[in-house]
Amino acid sequence: MRGLLNIVLAVVLATTTMTVYGQKKKRNVKQYNSAEVYRGNDVIQDLLKSGRDTVFTRHYLSSFLVDSTCLWKEEVKYTGEKLDDNKYKMSARSRLKEKNSDELKLNTESEKVYHKNKSDAVYVLNKRYLVDGLVEEIVHQNKQYVVKCIDKEGNVLNETGCLRYSQTPFPVEKTEKFQRNLQKTITNLVSKSKGRLPRYIILAIEADYESQRWNLALDFPKEYKLGSDMHTSLVAAIAHVLNNEKLEEYHFDKDINGNYYNRTMFIPLSFR
């Protein structure tokens, strides 16, 4: 194993202390890809076939699906509606749990329209509700994106977006050192340790502006034994690398008024 191990790491999105969350609800990555579940794509094909109306709610921690009885930060209500014999609409409304309270604050709204025999949506609307009444709206239709930044009176302020990373790409190259350190640390750990490796680990690394902390959530395969020596060592190694990564201004998103927002990087680690 030591000579054959290949660790594949890629960034999908993108005082240094942190909070680590371990996922108790384990699942299979092929069946429950986190991004697909969050978007409702895991159920849309069945809904298109049946054409039935539906309403259901899911709870998330760092975009990972969790049980409502566990620790969660985001609640998403999904609504499916048959528009006619050939069209179906899936809507989602996300609310975030306020810190130190049980109150929920509107975060995003989305709407997708599907044709019955097509797997991809023909119309997508995404809205994100920001500070000071700003709303960032993105419409994707006919292979074109239309982005708007709208104020609380409904006036369109620009057509480039309210957030800087809607206007310019996140500087992924600045995370390359962290990625190298992460890969090196885990490789060294595996070469010196015994125990079964997971097929993959998905890291959700959130830069929290209010607390100036890293929040780390980890997702393991359904069949992997949590609490084993290897599992504990992997979590500790990842936490150590992240704890030594300086939290900087560019890690956060920022709106046109200068308000900062948390931003999450998703990093899948594959062991093969």
C-alpha atoms as a PDB file:
ATOM      1  CA  MET A   1       0.000   0.000   0.000  1.00  0.00           C
ATOM      2  CA  ARG A   2       2.782   2.408   0.923  1.00  0.00           C
ATOM      3  CA  GLY A   3       4.492   2.230  -2.439  1.00  0.00           C
ATOM      4  CA  LEU A   4       1.360   2.212  -4.556  1.00  0.00           C
ATOM      5  CA  LEU A   5      -0.741   4.891  -2.895  1.00  0.00           C
ATOM      6  CA  ASN A   6      -1.768   7.805  -5.088  1.00  0.00           C
ATOM      7  CA  ILE A   7      -3.501  10.774  -3.473  1.00  0.00           C
ATOM      8  CA  VAL A   8      -5.562  12.920  -5.821  1.00  0.00           C
ATOM      9  CA  LEU A   9      -6.440  16.403  -4.604  1.00  0.00           C
ATOM     10  CA  ALA A  10      -8.334  19.178  -6.392  1.00  0.00           C
ATOM     11  CA  VAL A  11      -9.963  22.437  -5.393  1.00  0.00           C
ATOM     12  CA  VAL A  12     -13.513  22.546  -6.651  1.00  0.00           C
ATOM     13  CA  LEU A  13     -14.517  25.950  -5.322  1.00  0.00           C
ATOM     14  CA  ALA A  14     -13.021  27.718  -3.442  1.00  0.00           C
ATOM     15  CA  THR A  15      -5.246  34.334  14.428  1.00  0.00           C
ATOM     16  CA  THR A  16      -5.858  31.012  12.568  1.00  0.00           C
ATOM     17  CA  THR A  17      -7.992  28.832  14.802  1.00  0.00           C
ATOM     18  CA  MET A  18     -10.796  26.634  13.627  1.00  0.00           C
ATOM     19  CA  THR A  19     -13.810  24.516  14.428  1.00  0.00           C
ATOM     20  CA  VAL A  20     -13.878  20.915  13.178  1.00  0.00           C
ATOM     21  CA  TYR A  21     -17.151  19.135  12.424  1.00  0.00           C
ATOM     22  CA  GLY A  22     -17.206  15.372  11.889  1.00  0.00           C
ATOM     23  CA  GLN A  23     -20.012  13.983   9.790  1.00  0.00           C
ATOM     24  CA  LYS A  24     -21.954  11.260  11.598  1.00  0.00           C
ATOM     25  CA  LYS A  25     -24.307  10.672   8.701  1.00  0.00           C
ATOM     26  CA  LYS A  26     -22.168   8.654   6.315  1.00  0.00           C
ATOM     27  CA  ARG A  27     -23.110   8.107   2.690  1.00  0.00           C
ATOM     28  CA  ASN A  28     -21.890   6.758  -0.617  1.00  0.00           C
ATOM     29  CA  VAL A  29     -20.330   9.436  -2.828  1.00  0.00           C
ATOM     30  CA  LYS A  30     -21.738   8.008  -6.039  1.00  0.00           C
ATOM     31  CA  GLN A  31     -25.269   7.879  -4.726  1.00  0.00           C
ATOM     32  CA  TYR A  32     -25.169  11.023  -2.626  1.00  0.00           C
ATOM     33  CA  ASN A  33     -22.814  13.510  -4.263  1.00  0.00           C
ATOM     34  CA  SER A  34     -23.068  16.496  -1.922  1.00  0.00           C
ATOM     35  CA  ALA A  35     -23.484  19.164  -4.591  1.00  0.00           C
ATOM     36  CA  GLU A  36     -26.091  17.140  -6.484  1.00  0.00           C
ATOM     37  CA  VAL A  37     -28.097  16.506  -3.322  1.00  0.00           C
ATOM     38  CA  TYR A  38     -27.948  20.168  -2.330  1.00  0.00           C
ATOM     39  CA  ARG A  39     -29.335  21.182  -5.732  1.00  0.00           C
ATOM     40  CA  GLY A  40     -32.050  18.539  -5.605  1.00  0.00           C
ATOM     41  CA  ASN A  41     -30.641  16.817  -8.670  1.00  0.00           C
ATOM     42  CA  ASP A  42     -30.765  13.417  -6.968  1.00  0.00           C
ATOM     43  CA  VAL A  43     -34.576  13.396  -7.134  1.00  0.00           C
ATOM     44  CA  ILE A  44     -35.361  15.475 -10.204  1.00  0.00           C
ATOM     45  CA  GLN A  45     -35.383  12.578 -12.694  1.00  0.00           C
ATOM     46  CA  ASP A  46     -37.995  10.676 -10.691  1.00  0.00           C
ATOM     47  CA  LEU A  47     -40.085  13.831 -10.377  1.00  0.00           C
ATOM     48  CA  LEU A  48     -39.881  14.487 -14.116  1.00  0.00           C
ATOM     49  CA  LYS A  49     -41.087  10.951 -14.825  1.00  0.00           C
ATOM     50  CA  SER A  50     -43.926  10.992 -12.318  1.00  0.00           C
ATOM     51  CA  GLY A  51     -44.884  14.644 -12.785  1.00  0.00           C
ATOM     52  CA  ARG A  52     -46.050  14.772  -9.173  1.00  0.00           C
ATOM     53  CA  ASP A  53     -46.028  17.896  -7.035  1.00  0.00           C
ATOM     54  CA  THR A  54     -43.924  17.682  -3.892  1.00  0.00           C
ATOM     55  CA  VAL A  55     -42.556  19.626  -0.930  1.00  0.00           C
ATOM     56  CA  PHE A  56     -39.680  18.436   1.250  1.00  0.00           C
ATOM     57  CA  THR A  57     -37.059  19.931   3.571  1.00  0.00           C
ATOM     58  CA  ARG A  58     -33.395  19.072   4.074  1.00  0.00           C
ATOM     59  CA  HIS A  59     -30.783  20.245   6.562  1.00  0.00           C
ATOM     60  CA  TYR A  60     -27.116  20.889   5.859  1.00  0.00           C
ATOM     61  CA  LEU A  61     -23.816  21.523   7.577  1.00  0.00           C
ATOM     62  CA  SER A  62     -21.287  23.100   5.191  1.00  0.00           C
ATOM     63  CA  SER A  63     -23.445  21.867   2.285  1.00  0.00           C
ATOM     64  CA  PHE A  64     -23.291  18.259   3.563  1.00  0.00           C
ATOM     65  CA  LEU A  65     -26.678  16.654   4.118  1.00  0.00           C
ATOM     66  CA  VAL A  66     -27.317  15.850   7.793  1.00  0.00           C
ATOM     67  CA  ASP A  67     -30.248  14.633   9.857  1.00  0.00           C
ATOM     68  CA  SER A  68     -32.413  17.362  11.368  1.00  0.00           C
ATOM     69  CA  THR A  69     -31.628  15.976  14.837  1.00  0.00           C
ATOM     70  CA  CYS A  70     -27.885  16.569  14.317  1.00  0.00           C
ATOM     71  CA  LEU A  71     -25.921  19.811  14.249  1.00  0.00           C
ATOM     72  CA  TRP A  72     -26.979  21.833  11.190  1.00  0.00           C
ATOM     73  CA  LYS A  73     -26.612  25.409   9.951  1.00  0.00           C
ATOM     74  CA  GLU A  74     -28.822  25.576   6.884  1.00  0.00           C
ATOM     75  CA  GLU A  75     -32.400  24.544   6.119  1.00  0.00           C
ATOM     76  CA  VAL A  76     -33.541  24.204   2.513  1.00  0.00           C
ATOM     77  CA  LYS A  77     -37.182  23.791   1.511  1.00  0.00           C
ATOM     78  CA  TYR A  78     -37.699  22.252  -1.942  1.00  0.00           C
ATOM     79  CA  THR A  79     -40.906  22.582  -3.939  1.00  0.00           C
ATOM     80  CA  GLY A  80     -41.606  20.599  -7.105  1.00  0.00           C
ATOM     81  CA  GLU A  81     -44.470  21.653  -9.355  1.00  0.00           C
ATOM     82  CA  LYS A  82     -45.778  20.304 -12.650  1.00  0.00           C
ATOM     83  CA  LEU A  83     -46.371  23.288 -14.955  1.00  0.00           C
ATOM     84  CA  ASP A  84     -47.870  21.329 -17.860  1.00  0.00           C
ATOM     85  CA  ASP A  85     -47.411  17.972 -19.585  1.00  0.00           C
ATOM     86  CA  ASN A  86     -43.921  18.910 -20.778  1.00  0.00           C
ATOM     87  CA  LYS A  87     -42.586  21.264 -18.098  1.00  0.00           C
ATOM     88  CA  TYR A  88     -41.672  20.867 -14.437  1.00  0.00           C
ATOM     89  CA  LYS A  89     -40.390  23.471 -11.971  1.00  0.00           C
ATOM     90  CA  MET A  90     -38.150  22.831  -8.966  1.00  0.00           C
ATOM     91  CA  SER A  91     -37.760  25.674  -6.467  1.00  0.00           C
ATOM     92  CA  ALA A  92     -35.532  25.871  -3.390  1.00  0.00           C
ATOM     93  CA  ARG A  93     -35.488  28.331  -0.496  1.00  0.00           C
ATOM     94  CA  SER A  94     -32.468  28.359   1.810  1.00  0.00           C
ATOM     95  CA  ARG A  95     -32.393  29.826   5.308  1.00  0.00           C
ATOM     96  CA  LEU A  96     -29.356  30.027   7.571  1.00  0.00           C
ATOM     97  CA  LYS A  97     -29.480  29.574  11.320  1.00  0.00           C
ATOM     98  CA  GLU A  98     -28.463  32.748  13.130  1.00  0.00           C
ATOM     99  CA  LYS A  99     -25.576  32.397  15.570  1.00  0.00           C
ATOM    100  CA  ASN A 100     -26.558  32.072  19.231  1.00  0.00           C
ATOM    101  CA  SER A 101     -30.267  31.772  18.362  1.00  0.00           C
ATOM    102  CA  ASP A 102     -32.776  29.511  16.642  1.00  0.00           C
ATOM    103  CA  GLU A 103     -33.871  32.213  14.194  1.00  0.00           C
ATOM    104  CA  LEU A 104     -33.525  31.501  10.477  1.00  0.00           C
ATOM    105  CA  LYS A 105     -32.465  34.161   7.977  1.00  0.00           C
ATOM    106  CA  LEU A 106     -33.279  34.019   4.256  1.00  0.00           C
ATOM    107  CA  ASN A 107     -30.117  33.172   2.333  1.00  0.00           C
ATOM    108  CA  THR A 108     -30.906  32.106  -1.229  1.00  0.00           C
ATOM    109  CA  GLU A 109     -33.784  31.244  -3.545  1.00  0.00           C
ATOM    110  CA  SER A 110     -33.562  29.279  -6.761  1.00  0.00           C
ATOM    111  CA  GLU A 111     -35.877  28.161  -9.516  1.00  0.00           C
ATOM    112  CA  LYS A 112     -35.278  25.638 -12.288  1.00  0.00           C
ATOM    113  CA  VAL A 113     -37.562  24.732 -15.167  1.00  0.00           C
ATOM    114  CA  TYR A 114     -37.114  21.381 -16.918  1.00  0.00           C
ATOM    115  CA  HIS A 115     -38.508  19.905 -20.102  1.00  0.00           C
ATOM    116  CA  LYS A 116     -39.820  16.402 -19.519  1.00  0.00           C
ATOM    117  CA  ASN A 117     -37.318  14.592 -21.743  1.00  0.00           C
ATOM    118  CA  LYS A 118     -34.234  16.646 -20.831  1.00  0.00           C
ATOM    119  CA  SER A 119     -32.000  16.087 -17.819  1.00  0.00           C
ATOM    120  CA  ASP A 120     -30.669  19.654 -17.730  1.00  0.00           C
ATOM    121  CA  ALA A 121     -32.768  22.653 -16.753  1.00  0.00           C
ATOM    122  CA  VAL A 122     -33.733  24.981 -19.608  1.00  0.00           C
ATOM    123  CA  TYR A 123     -34.106  27.926 -17.232  1.00  0.00           C
ATOM    124  CA  VAL A 124     -32.257  28.607 -13.975  1.00  0.00           C
ATOM    125  CA  LEU A 125     -32.785  31.546 -11.607  1.00  0.00           C
ATOM    126  CA  ASN A 126     -30.604  32.032  -8.522  1.00  0.00           C
ATOM    127  CA  LYS A 127     -30.997  34.811  -5.959  1.00  0.00           C
ATOM    128  CA  ARG A 128     -28.739  35.516  -2.997  1.00  0.00           C
ATOM    129  CA  TYR A 129     -29.907  37.897  -0.273  1.00  0.00           C
ATOM    130  CA  LEU A 130     -27.136  40.083   1.109  1.00  0.00           C
ATOM    131  CA  VAL A 131     -26.582  42.827   3.685  1.00  0.00           C
ATOM    132  CA  ASP A 132     -28.290  46.235   3.262  1.00  0.00           C
ATOM    133  CA  GLY A 133     -31.076  44.714   1.167  1.00  0.00           C
ATOM    134  CA  LEU A 134     -28.840  43.861  -1.796  1.00  0.00           C
ATOM    135  CA  VAL A 135     -29.913  40.934  -3.963  1.00  0.00           C
ATOM    136  CA  GLU A 136     -27.637  39.240  -6.469  1.00  0.00           C
ATOM    137  CA  GLU A 137     -29.642  37.629  -9.259  1.00  0.00           C
ATOM    138  CA  ILE A 138     -28.269  35.230 -11.854  1.00  0.00           C
ATOM    139  CA  VAL A 139     -30.352  33.855 -14.734  1.00  0.00           C
ATOM    140  CA  HIS A 140     -29.090  31.077 -17.000  1.00  0.00           C
ATOM    141  CA  GLN A 141     -31.123  30.483 -20.143  1.00  0.00           C
ATOM    142  CA  ASN A 142     -30.302  29.558 -23.746  1.00  0.00           C
ATOM    143  CA  LYS A 143     -26.599  29.132 -22.864  1.00  0.00           C
ATOM    144  CA  GLN A 144     -26.395  32.712 -21.613  1.00  0.00           C
ATOM    145  CA  TYR A 145     -25.856  34.103 -18.101  1.00  0.00           C
ATOM    146  CA  VAL A 146     -27.443  37.371 -17.023  1.00  0.00           C
ATOM    147  CA  VAL A 147     -26.143  38.738 -13.709  1.00  0.00           C
ATOM    148  CA  LYS A 148     -27.695  41.656 -11.823  1.00  0.00           C
ATOM    149  CA  CYS A 149     -27.069  43.445  -8.542  1.00  0.00           C
ATOM    150  CA  ILE A 150     -30.364  44.828  -7.229  1.00  0.00           C
ATOM    151  CA  ASP A 151     -30.893  47.218  -4.303  1.00  0.00           C
ATOM    152  CA  LYS A 152     -33.675  47.030  -1.705  1.00  0.00           C
ATOM    153  CA  GLU A 153     -35.911  49.296  -3.818  1.00  0.00           C
ATOM    154  CA  GLY A 154     -35.623  46.932  -6.772  1.00  0.00           C
ATOM    155  CA  ASN A 155     -33.285  49.135  -8.802  1.00  0.00           C
ATOM    156  CA  VAL A 156     -30.653  47.379 -10.921  1.00  0.00           C
ATOM    157  CA  LEU A 157     -27.280  48.756  -9.796  1.00  0.00           C
ATOM    158  CA  ASN A 158     -25.147  46.859 -12.297  1.00  0.00           C
ATOM    159  CA  GLU A 159     -25.050  43.804 -14.524  1.00  0.00           C
ATOM    160  CA  THR A 160     -21.822  42.321 -13.164  1.00  0.00           C
ATOM    161  CA  GLY A 161     -23.013  41.165  -9.728  1.00  0.00           C
ATOM    162  CA  CYS A 162     -22.970  42.316  -6.112  1.00  0.00           C
ATOM    163  CA  LEU A 163     -20.096  40.064  -5.006  1.00  0.00           C
ATOM    164  CA  ARG A 164     -16.481  40.278  -6.119  1.00  0.00           C
ATOM    165  CA  TYR A 165     -16.189  36.588  -6.931  1.00  0.00           C
ATOM    166  CA  SER A 166     -19.204  36.895  -9.192  1.00  0.00           C
ATOM    167  CA  GLN A 167     -17.238  39.529 -11.094  1.00  0.00           C
ATOM    168  CA  THR A 168     -13.737  38.014 -10.945  1.00  0.00           C
ATOM    169  CA  PRO A 169     -12.569  34.420 -10.378  1.00  0.00           C
ATOM    170  CA  PHE A 170     -11.452  33.301  -6.939  1.00  0.00           C
ATOM    171  CA  PRO A 171      -7.598  33.229  -6.902  1.00  0.00           C
ATOM    172  CA  VAL A 172      -7.225  29.447  -6.742  1.00  0.00           C
ATOM    173  CA  GLU A 173      -3.482  29.748  -7.351  1.00  0.00           C
ATOM    174  CA  LYS A 174      -3.121  31.250  -3.863  1.00  0.00           C
ATOM    175  CA  THR A 175      -4.285  27.970  -2.346  1.00  0.00           C
ATOM    176  CA  GLU A 176      -1.648  25.856  -4.105  1.00  0.00           C
ATOM    177  CA  LYS A 177       0.774  25.924  -1.146  1.00  0.00           C
ATOM    178  CA  PHE A 178      -1.982  24.726   1.181  1.00  0.00           C
ATOM    179  CA  GLN A 179      -2.835  21.930  -1.229  1.00  0.00           C
ATOM    180  CA  ARG A 180       0.810  20.819  -1.436  1.00  0.00           C
ATOM    181  CA  ASN A 181       1.189  20.865   2.350  1.00  0.00           C
ATOM    182  CA  LEU A 182      -2.017  18.892   2.752  1.00  0.00           C
ATOM    183  CA  GLN A 183      -0.952  16.257   0.251  1.00  0.00           C
ATOM    184  CA  LYS A 184       2.557  15.977   1.765  1.00  0.00           C
ATOM    185  CA  THR A 185       1.251  15.679   5.335  1.00  0.00           C
ATOM    186  CA  ILE A 186      -1.264  12.965   4.486  1.00  0.00           C
ATOM    187  CA  THR A 187       1.286  11.057   2.378  1.00  0.00           C
ATOM    188  CA  ASN A 188       3.732  11.066   5.306  1.00  0.00           C
ATOM    189  CA  LEU A 189       0.985   9.965   7.690  1.00  0.00           C
ATOM    190  CA  VAL A 190      -0.077   7.061   5.496  1.00  0.00           C
ATOM    191  CA  SER A 191       3.509   5.881   4.945  1.00  0.00           C
ATOM    192  CA  LYS A 192       4.054   5.629   8.716  1.00  0.00           C
ATOM    193  CA  SER A 193       0.644   4.447   9.871  1.00  0.00           C
ATOM    194  CA  LYS A 194      -1.346   1.251   9.707  1.00  0.00           C
ATOM    195  CA  GLY A 195      -5.030   0.994   9.097  1.00  0.00           C
ATOM    196  CA  ARG A 196      -7.592   1.112   6.356  1.00  0.00           C
ATOM    197  CA  LEU A 197      -7.818   4.218   4.207  1.00  0.00           C
ATOM    198  CA  PRO A 198     -11.152   5.599   3.000  1.00  0.00           C
ATOM    199  CA  ARG A 199     -11.757   5.713  -0.739  1.00  0.00           C
ATOM    200  CA  TYR A 200     -12.169   9.460  -0.449  1.00  0.00           C
ATOM    201  CA  ILE A 201     -12.601  12.364   1.955  1.00  0.00           C
ATOM    202  CA  ILE A 202     -14.478  15.530   1.041  1.00  0.00           C
ATOM    203  CA  LEU A 203     -13.306  18.641   2.879  1.00  0.00           C
ATOM    204  CA  ALA A 204     -15.545  21.687   3.259  1.00  0.00           C
ATOM    205  CA  ILE A 205     -13.361  24.546   4.482  1.00  0.00           C
ATOM    206  CA  GLU A 206     -15.282  27.667   5.432  1.00  0.00           C
ATOM    207  CA  ALA A 207     -13.630  31.031   6.074  1.00  0.00           C
ATOM    208  CA  ASP A 208     -15.811  32.548   8.831  1.00  0.00           C
ATOM    209  CA  TYR A 209     -15.520  36.339   8.791  1.00  0.00           C
ATOM    210  CA  GLU A 210     -17.296  37.083  12.068  1.00  0.00           C
ATOM    211  CA  SER A 211     -15.177  34.764  14.197  1.00  0.00           C
ATOM    212  CA  GLN A 212     -12.056  34.995  11.999  1.00  0.00           C
ATOM    213  CA  ARG A 213     -11.845  31.213  12.158  1.00  0.00           C
ATOM    214  CA  TRP A 214     -11.659  28.294   9.818  1.00  0.00           C
ATOM    215  CA  ASN A 215     -14.601  25.895  10.028  1.00  0.00           C
ATOM    216  CA  LEU A 216     -13.803  22.412   8.762  1.00  0.00           C
ATOM    217  CA  ALA A 217     -16.355  19.720   7.915  1.00  0.00           C
ATOM    218  CA  LEU A 218     -15.297  16.272   6.690  1.00  0.00           C
ATOM    219  CA  ASP A 219     -17.344  13.735   4.773  1.00  0.00           C
ATOM    220  CA  PHE A 220     -16.312  10.062   4.584  1.00  0.00           C
ATOM    221  CA  PRO A 221     -17.710   7.109   2.582  1.00  0.00           C
ATOM    222  CA  LYS A 222     -20.741   5.278   3.917  1.00  0.00           C
ATOM    223  CA  GLU A 223     -18.820   2.104   4.706  1.00  0.00           C
ATOM    224  CA  TYR A 224     -15.796   3.737   6.363  1.00  0.00           C
ATOM    225  CA  LYS A 225     -15.413   3.192  10.102  1.00  0.00           C
ATOM    226  CA  LEU A 226     -15.377   6.481  11.967  1.00  0.00           C
ATOM    227  CA  GLY A 227     -13.376   6.559  15.184  1.00  0.00           C
ATOM    228  CA  SER A 228     -10.690   4.146  13.972  1.00  0.00           C
ATOM    229  CA  ASP A 229      -7.020   5.001  14.513  1.00  0.00           C
ATOM    230  CA  MET A 230      -6.562   5.874  10.833  1.00  0.00           C
ATOM    231  CA  HIS A 231      -9.700   8.031  10.809  1.00  0.00           C
ATOM    232  CA  THR A 232      -8.543   9.917  13.910  1.00  0.00           C
ATOM    233  CA  SER A 233      -5.054  10.395  12.451  1.00  0.00           C
ATOM    234  CA  LEU A 234      -6.409  11.693   9.143  1.00  0.00           C
ATOM    235  CA  VAL A 235      -8.668  14.224  10.857  1.00  0.00           C
ATOM    236  CA  ALA A 236      -5.798  15.403  13.068  1.00  0.00           C
ATOM    237  CA  ALA A 237      -3.438  15.730  10.092  1.00  0.00           C
ATOM    238  CA  ILE A 238      -5.923  17.749   8.041  1.00  0.00           C
ATOM    239  CA  ALA A 239      -6.719  19.973  11.020  1.00  0.00           C
ATOM    240  CA  HIS A 240      -3.002  20.563  11.647  1.00  0.00           C
ATOM    241  CA  VAL A 241      -2.369  21.731   8.071  1.00  0.00           C
ATOM    242  CA  LEU A 242      -5.400  24.000   8.060  1.00  0.00           C
ATOM    243  CA  ASN A 243      -4.525  25.444  11.462  1.00  0.00           C
ATOM    244  CA  ASN A 244      -1.226  26.602   9.952  1.00  0.00           C
ATOM    245  CA  GLU A 245      -2.904  28.219   6.946  1.00  0.00           C
ATOM    246  CA  LYS A 246      -3.225  31.961   7.506  1.00  0.00           C
ATOM    247  CA  LEU A 247      -6.755  33.303   7.129  1.00  0.00           C
ATOM    248  CA  GLU A 248      -6.519  36.267   4.752  1.00  0.00           C
ATOM    249  CA  GLU A 249      -8.854  38.871   3.285  1.00  0.00           C
ATOM    250  CA  TYR A 250      -9.132  37.177  -0.102  1.00  0.00           C
ATOM    251  CA  HIS A 251     -10.593  34.034   1.508  1.00  0.00           C
ATOM    252  CA  PHE A 252     -13.864  35.940   2.075  1.00  0.00           C
ATOM    253  CA  ASP A 253     -16.326  37.239  -0.473  1.00  0.00           C
ATOM    254  CA  LYS A 254     -17.152  40.960  -0.430  1.00  0.00           C
ATOM    255  CA  ASP A 255     -20.075  42.975  -1.814  1.00  0.00           C
ATOM    256  CA  ILE A 256     -20.040  46.343  -3.585  1.00  0.00           C
ATOM    257  CA  ASN A 257     -20.657  48.140  -0.272  1.00  0.00           C
ATOM    258  CA  GLY A 258     -17.641  46.548   1.408  1.00  0.00           C
ATOM    259  CA  ASN A 259     -19.500  43.950   3.502  1.00  0.00           C
ATOM    260  CA  TYR A 260     -17.748  40.597   3.914  1.00  0.00           C
ATOM    261  CA  TYR A 261     -19.271  37.114   3.609  1.00  0.00           C
ATOM    262  CA  ASN A 262     -18.169  33.616   4.523  1.00  0.00           C
ATOM    263  CA  ARG A 263     -16.856  31.529   1.665  1.00  0.00           C
ATOM    264  CA  THR A 264     -16.439  27.755   1.487  1.00  0.00           C
ATOM    265  CA  MET A 265     -13.845  25.766  -0.462  1.00  0.00           C
ATOM    266  CA  PHE A 266     -14.614  22.143  -1.289  1.00  0.00           C
ATOM    267  CA  ILE A 267     -11.586  19.873  -1.634  1.00  0.00           C
ATOM    268  CA  PRO A 268     -12.078  16.189  -2.482  1.00  0.00           C
ATOM    269  CA  LEU A 269      -9.231  13.829  -1.545  1.00  0.00           C
ATOM    270  CA  SER A 270      -9.191  10.527  -3.398  1.00  0.00           C
ATOM    271  CA  PHE A 271      -7.032   7.558  -2.299  1.00  0.00           C
ATOM    272  CA  ARG A 272      -6.252   4.900  -4.868  1.00  0.00           C
END
